[in-house]
Amino acid sequence: MGALRELELAPSQQRAEGSQLRLHVIYTNPQTTRASLCAASVLAHDLGATLELLVATVVPYPLPLNSPTAPARFTEELLSALVSECEVDVTVKVFLCRDREETIPQWLPAESIAVIGRRRRWGPESSWRLIRALRQRGHHVIVIDAQKRLLAPAKFCRERRSR
């Protein structure tokens, strides 16, 4: 069973970490993030990489930056349930920010690999703005289409990782 190993609130700067390959899963919503975590867990297993789930919590301008609209406990429980359901070993980082499309690309190390889920819809979608922002900053983006269900179910992902 996966474990929620770390929960950081608004880290001030990127820590220098080892040279191990890291896949950064970007939280968009529970459905698409679940699909992203499943796909990323298979990739991480095959590549010997670690997983990191990045959650940008947008705080509206009238509020102080350290006062999100949702209590930290609610966010922690939501993410713990998602990680437990997907049965992956992942580090979770929560950022309190004003602009998700600005914060996530800035926080990632240069040329990082980001995995982001989306639902295929007509019209503009915020995940496309984030994908574009990540690519413009030189990051490698793997887009998972959660609606098409081209991915294997979670049970297959668990079996694949255990091999």
C-alpha atoms as a PDB file:
ATOM      1  CA  MET A   1       0.000   0.000   0.000  1.00  0.00           C
ATOM      2  CA  GLY A   2       1.305   3.468  -0.869  1.00  0.00           C
ATOM      3  CA  ALA A   3       2.274   5.884   1.819  1.00  0.00           C
ATOM      4  CA  LEU A   4       2.003   9.621   2.153  1.00  0.00           C
ATOM      5  CA  ARG A   5       5.579  10.293   3.201  1.00  0.00           C
ATOM      6  CA  GLU A   6       5.837  14.058   3.209  1.00  0.00           C
ATOM      7  CA  LEU A   7       3.555  17.034   3.187  1.00  0.00           C
ATOM      8  CA  GLU A   8       5.235  20.402   2.643  1.00  0.00           C
ATOM      9  CA  LEU A   9       3.359  23.657   2.719  1.00  0.00           C
ATOM     10  CA  ALA A  10       4.748  26.362   0.432  1.00  0.00           C
ATOM     11  CA  PRO A  11       8.448  25.519   0.338  1.00  0.00           C
ATOM     12  CA  SER A  12      10.509  28.651  -0.087  1.00  0.00           C
ATOM     13  CA  GLN A  13      12.999  27.194  -2.537  1.00  0.00           C
ATOM     14  CA  GLN A  14      13.926  24.014  -4.382  1.00  0.00           C
ATOM     15  CA  ARG A  15      16.189  21.714  -2.390  1.00  0.00           C
ATOM     16  CA  ALA A  16      19.191  20.220  -4.085  1.00  0.00           C
ATOM     17  CA  GLU A  17      18.419  16.526  -4.252  1.00  0.00           C
ATOM     18  CA  GLY A  18      20.180  13.475  -5.617  1.00  0.00           C
ATOM     19  CA  SER A  19      20.450  12.751  -9.279  1.00  0.00           C
ATOM     20  CA  GLN A  20      17.794  10.007  -9.225  1.00  0.00           C
ATOM     21  CA  LEU A  21      15.159  10.354 -11.930  1.00  0.00           C
ATOM     22  CA  ARG A  22      11.989  11.915 -10.556  1.00  0.00           C
ATOM     23  CA  LEU A  23       8.551  12.066 -12.167  1.00  0.00           C
ATOM     24  CA  HIS A  24       6.442  15.024 -11.050  1.00  0.00           C
ATOM     25  CA  VAL A  25       2.694  14.329 -11.129  1.00  0.00           C
ATOM     26  CA  ILE A  26       0.711  17.563 -11.227  1.00  0.00           C
ATOM     27  CA  TYR A  27      -2.598  17.580  -9.352  1.00  0.00           C
ATOM     28  CA  THR A  28      -5.504  18.861 -11.454  1.00  0.00           C
ATOM     29  CA  ASN A  29      -8.554  17.121  -9.933  1.00  0.00           C
ATOM     30  CA  PRO A  30      -9.121  13.719  -8.287  1.00  0.00           C
ATOM     31  CA  GLN A  31     -10.178  11.859 -11.468  1.00  0.00           C
ATOM     32  CA  THR A  32      -7.370  13.020 -13.734  1.00  0.00           C
ATOM     33  CA  THR A  33      -4.759  12.867 -10.987  1.00  0.00           C
ATOM     34  CA  ARG A  34      -5.758   9.267 -10.231  1.00  0.00           C
ATOM     35  CA  ALA A  35      -5.147   8.377 -13.901  1.00  0.00           C
ATOM     36  CA  SER A  36      -1.849  10.293 -13.876  1.00  0.00           C
ATOM     37  CA  LEU A  37      -0.627   8.559 -10.713  1.00  0.00           C
ATOM     38  CA  CYS A  38      -1.433   5.142 -12.162  1.00  0.00           C
ATOM     39  CA  ALA A  39       0.424   5.849 -15.409  1.00  0.00           C
ATOM     40  CA  ALA A  40       3.331   7.505 -13.609  1.00  0.00           C
ATOM     41  CA  SER A  41       3.673   4.598 -11.155  1.00  0.00           C
ATOM     42  CA  VAL A  42       4.174   2.159 -14.043  1.00  0.00           C
ATOM     43  CA  LEU A  43       6.708   4.497 -15.664  1.00  0.00           C
ATOM     44  CA  ALA A  44       8.505   5.054 -12.357  1.00  0.00           C
ATOM     45  CA  HIS A  45       8.711   1.324 -11.713  1.00  0.00           C
ATOM     46  CA  ASP A  46      10.089   0.598 -15.180  1.00  0.00           C
ATOM     47  CA  LEU A  47      12.578   3.514 -15.052  1.00  0.00           C
ATOM     48  CA  GLY A  48      13.607   3.178 -11.411  1.00  0.00           C
ATOM     49  CA  ALA A  49      12.313   6.693 -10.733  1.00  0.00           C
ATOM     50  CA  THR A  50      10.635   8.266  -7.730  1.00  0.00           C
ATOM     51  CA  LEU A  51       7.236   9.984  -7.779  1.00  0.00           C
ATOM     52  CA  GLU A  52       6.329  13.395  -6.491  1.00  0.00           C
ATOM     53  CA  LEU A  53       2.775  14.752  -6.434  1.00  0.00           C
ATOM     54  CA  LEU A  54       2.667  18.553  -6.707  1.00  0.00           C
ATOM     55  CA  VAL A  55      -0.492  20.287  -5.536  1.00  0.00           C
ATOM     56  CA  ALA A  56      -0.856  24.020  -6.136  1.00  0.00           C
ATOM     57  CA  THR A  57      -3.550  25.438  -3.885  1.00  0.00           C
ATOM     58  CA  VAL A  58      -4.601  28.823  -5.235  1.00  0.00           C
ATOM     59  CA  VAL A  59      -5.344  31.405  -2.556  1.00  0.00           C
ATOM     60  CA  PRO A  60      -7.466  34.378  -3.755  1.00  0.00           C
ATOM     61  CA  TYR A  61      -5.899  37.844  -3.480  1.00  0.00           C
ATOM     62  CA  PRO A  62      -8.230  39.197  -0.758  1.00  0.00           C
ATOM     63  CA  LEU A  63      -6.875  36.528   1.615  1.00  0.00           C
ATOM     64  CA  PRO A  64      -3.368  36.353   3.048  1.00  0.00           C
ATOM     65  CA  LEU A  65      -1.221  33.802   1.201  1.00  0.00           C
ATOM     66  CA  ASN A  66      -0.982  31.580   4.286  1.00  0.00           C
ATOM     67  CA  SER A  67      -4.807  31.366   4.580  1.00  0.00           C
ATOM     68  CA  PRO A  68      -6.166  28.982   1.924  1.00  0.00           C
ATOM     69  CA  THR A  69      -9.930  28.727   1.413  1.00  0.00           C
ATOM     70  CA  ALA A  70      -9.878  24.989   2.243  1.00  0.00           C
ATOM     71  CA  PRO A  71      -8.456  23.912   5.612  1.00  0.00           C
ATOM     72  CA  ALA A  72      -5.072  22.165   5.463  1.00  0.00           C
ATOM     73  CA  ARG A  73      -6.603  19.116   7.179  1.00  0.00           C
ATOM     74  CA  PHE A  74      -9.176  18.732   4.365  1.00  0.00           C
ATOM     75  CA  THR A  75      -6.453  18.918   1.703  1.00  0.00           C
ATOM     76  CA  GLU A  76      -4.311  16.413   3.597  1.00  0.00           C
ATOM     77  CA  GLU A  77      -7.207  13.933   3.920  1.00  0.00           C
ATOM     78  CA  LEU A  78      -8.123  14.293   0.231  1.00  0.00           C
ATOM     79  CA  LEU A  79      -4.546  13.640  -0.880  1.00  0.00           C
ATOM     80  CA  SER A  80      -4.041  10.780   1.590  1.00  0.00           C
ATOM     81  CA  ALA A  81      -7.173   9.065   0.279  1.00  0.00           C
ATOM     82  CA  LEU A  82      -6.077   9.549  -3.338  1.00  0.00           C
ATOM     83  CA  VAL A  83      -2.585   8.186  -2.707  1.00  0.00           C
ATOM     84  CA  SER A  84      -3.959   5.235  -0.703  1.00  0.00           C
ATOM     85  CA  GLU A  85      -6.487   4.426  -3.409  1.00  0.00           C
ATOM     86  CA  CYS A  86      -3.801   4.406  -6.089  1.00  0.00           C
ATOM     87  CA  GLU A  87      -1.451   2.377  -3.885  1.00  0.00           C
ATOM     88  CA  VAL A  88       1.678   4.268  -4.902  1.00  0.00           C
ATOM     89  CA  ASP A  89       4.701   5.423  -2.952  1.00  0.00           C
ATOM     90  CA  VAL A  90       4.814   9.159  -3.554  1.00  0.00           C
ATOM     91  CA  THR A  91       6.080  12.336  -1.939  1.00  0.00           C
ATOM     92  CA  VAL A  92       3.349  14.982  -1.779  1.00  0.00           C
ATOM     93  CA  LYS A  93       4.149  18.707  -1.888  1.00  0.00           C
ATOM     94  CA  VAL A  94       1.457  21.332  -1.400  1.00  0.00           C
ATOM     95  CA  PHE A  95       2.083  24.901  -2.529  1.00  0.00           C
ATOM     96  CA  LEU A  96       0.033  27.876  -1.438  1.00  0.00           C
ATOM     97  CA  CYS A  97       0.130  30.298  -4.357  1.00  0.00           C
ATOM     98  CA  ARG A  98      -1.706  32.973  -6.316  1.00  0.00           C
ATOM     99  CA  ASP A  99      -1.161  31.514  -9.796  1.00  0.00           C
ATOM    100  CA  ARG A 100      -0.798  27.794 -10.467  1.00  0.00           C
ATOM    101  CA  GLU A 101       0.522  28.278 -14.019  1.00  0.00           C
ATOM    102  CA  GLU A 102       3.335  30.432 -12.658  1.00  0.00           C
ATOM    103  CA  THR A 103       4.199  28.544  -9.456  1.00  0.00           C
ATOM    104  CA  ILE A 104       4.528  24.939 -10.659  1.00  0.00           C
ATOM    105  CA  PRO A 105       6.850  25.592 -13.638  1.00  0.00           C
ATOM    106  CA  GLN A 106       9.061  27.824 -11.475  1.00  0.00           C
ATOM    107  CA  TRP A 107       9.369  25.264  -8.692  1.00  0.00           C
ATOM    108  CA  LEU A 108      10.377  22.328 -10.909  1.00  0.00           C
ATOM    109  CA  PRO A 109      14.080  21.753 -11.566  1.00  0.00           C
ATOM    110  CA  ALA A 110      15.239  22.456 -15.136  1.00  0.00           C
ATOM    111  CA  GLU A 111      14.031  19.999 -17.792  1.00  0.00           C
ATOM    112  CA  SER A 112      11.891  18.018 -15.346  1.00  0.00           C
ATOM    113  CA  ILE A 113       9.451  15.335 -16.406  1.00  0.00           C
ATOM    114  CA  ALA A 114       5.897  16.324 -15.500  1.00  0.00           C
ATOM    115  CA  VAL A 115       2.898  13.998 -15.761  1.00  0.00           C
ATOM    116  CA  ILE A 116      -0.460  15.745 -15.968  1.00  0.00           C
ATOM    117  CA  GLY A 117      -3.938  14.342 -16.494  1.00  0.00           C
ATOM    118  CA  ARG A 118      -6.697  16.054 -18.393  1.00  0.00           C
ATOM    119  CA  ARG A 119     -10.185  15.453 -19.694  1.00  0.00           C
ATOM    120  CA  ARG A 120     -10.774  16.003 -23.368  1.00  0.00           C
ATOM    121  CA  ARG A 121     -13.248  18.834 -23.811  1.00  0.00           C
ATOM    122  CA  TRP A 122     -14.085  21.531 -26.283  1.00  0.00           C
ATOM    123  CA  GLY A 123     -12.999  24.994 -25.298  1.00  0.00           C
ATOM    124  CA  PRO A 124     -10.257  26.281 -23.045  1.00  0.00           C
ATOM    125  CA  GLU A 125      -9.235  24.231 -20.061  1.00  0.00           C
ATOM    126  CA  SER A 126      -6.900  25.267 -17.270  1.00  0.00           C
ATOM    127  CA  SER A 127      -4.767  22.130 -17.652  1.00  0.00           C
ATOM    128  CA  TRP A 128      -3.839  23.247 -21.187  1.00  0.00           C
ATOM    129  CA  ARG A 129      -2.586  26.571 -19.829  1.00  0.00           C
ATOM    130  CA  LEU A 130      -0.454  24.707 -17.308  1.00  0.00           C
ATOM    131  CA  ILE A 131       0.839  22.275 -19.957  1.00  0.00           C
ATOM    132  CA  ARG A 132       1.767  25.205 -22.190  1.00  0.00           C
ATOM    133  CA  ALA A 133       3.504  27.010 -19.303  1.00  0.00           C
ATOM    134  CA  LEU A 134       5.504  23.880 -18.409  1.00  0.00           C
ATOM    135  CA  ARG A 135       6.623  23.327 -22.013  1.00  0.00           C
ATOM    136  CA  GLN A 136       7.561  26.991 -22.464  1.00  0.00           C
ATOM    137  CA  ARG A 137       9.882  26.704 -19.474  1.00  0.00           C
ATOM    138  CA  GLY A 138      11.623  23.671 -21.016  1.00  0.00           C
ATOM    139  CA  HIS A 139       9.991  20.879 -19.016  1.00  0.00           C
ATOM    140  CA  HIS A 140       9.038  17.556 -20.579  1.00  0.00           C
ATOM    141  CA  VAL A 141       5.291  16.951 -20.233  1.00  0.00           C
ATOM    142  CA  ILE A 142       3.474  13.618 -20.445  1.00  0.00           C
ATOM    143  CA  VAL A 143      -0.256  14.237 -20.904  1.00  0.00           C
ATOM    144  CA  ILE A 144      -2.629  11.503 -19.729  1.00  0.00           C
ATOM    145  CA  ASP A 145      -6.109  11.561 -21.257  1.00  0.00           C
ATOM    146  CA  ALA A 146      -8.269  10.395 -18.341  1.00  0.00           C
ATOM    147  CA  GLN A 147     -11.511  10.272 -20.344  1.00  0.00           C
ATOM    148  CA  LYS A 148     -10.360   7.980 -23.121  1.00  0.00           C
ATOM    149  CA  ARG A 149      -9.291   5.405 -20.584  1.00  0.00           C
ATOM    150  CA  LEU A 150      -6.396   4.369 -22.758  1.00  0.00           C
ATOM    151  CA  LEU A 151      -4.639   3.506 -19.549  1.00  0.00           C
ATOM    152  CA  ALA A 152      -4.857   0.166 -17.859  1.00  0.00           C
ATOM    153  CA  PRO A 153      -7.049  -0.029 -14.756  1.00  0.00           C
ATOM    154  CA  ALA A 154      -5.400   0.516 -11.363  1.00  0.00           C
ATOM    155  CA  LYS A 155      -5.392  -3.248 -10.667  1.00  0.00           C
ATOM    156  CA  PHE A 156      -3.218  -3.854 -13.749  1.00  0.00           C
ATOM    157  CA  CYS A 157      -0.877  -1.035 -12.664  1.00  0.00           C
ATOM    158  CA  ARG A 158      -0.405  -2.657  -9.243  1.00  0.00           C
ATOM    159  CA  GLU A 159       0.277  -6.058 -10.842  1.00  0.00           C
ATOM    160  CA  ARG A 160       2.702  -4.520 -13.344  1.00  0.00           C
ATOM    161  CA  ARG A 161       4.660  -2.766 -10.567  1.00  0.00           C
ATOM    162  CA  SER A 162       4.948  -5.977  -8.534  1.00  0.00           C
ATOM    163  CA  ARG A 163       6.767  -7.826 -11.328  1.00  0.00           C
END
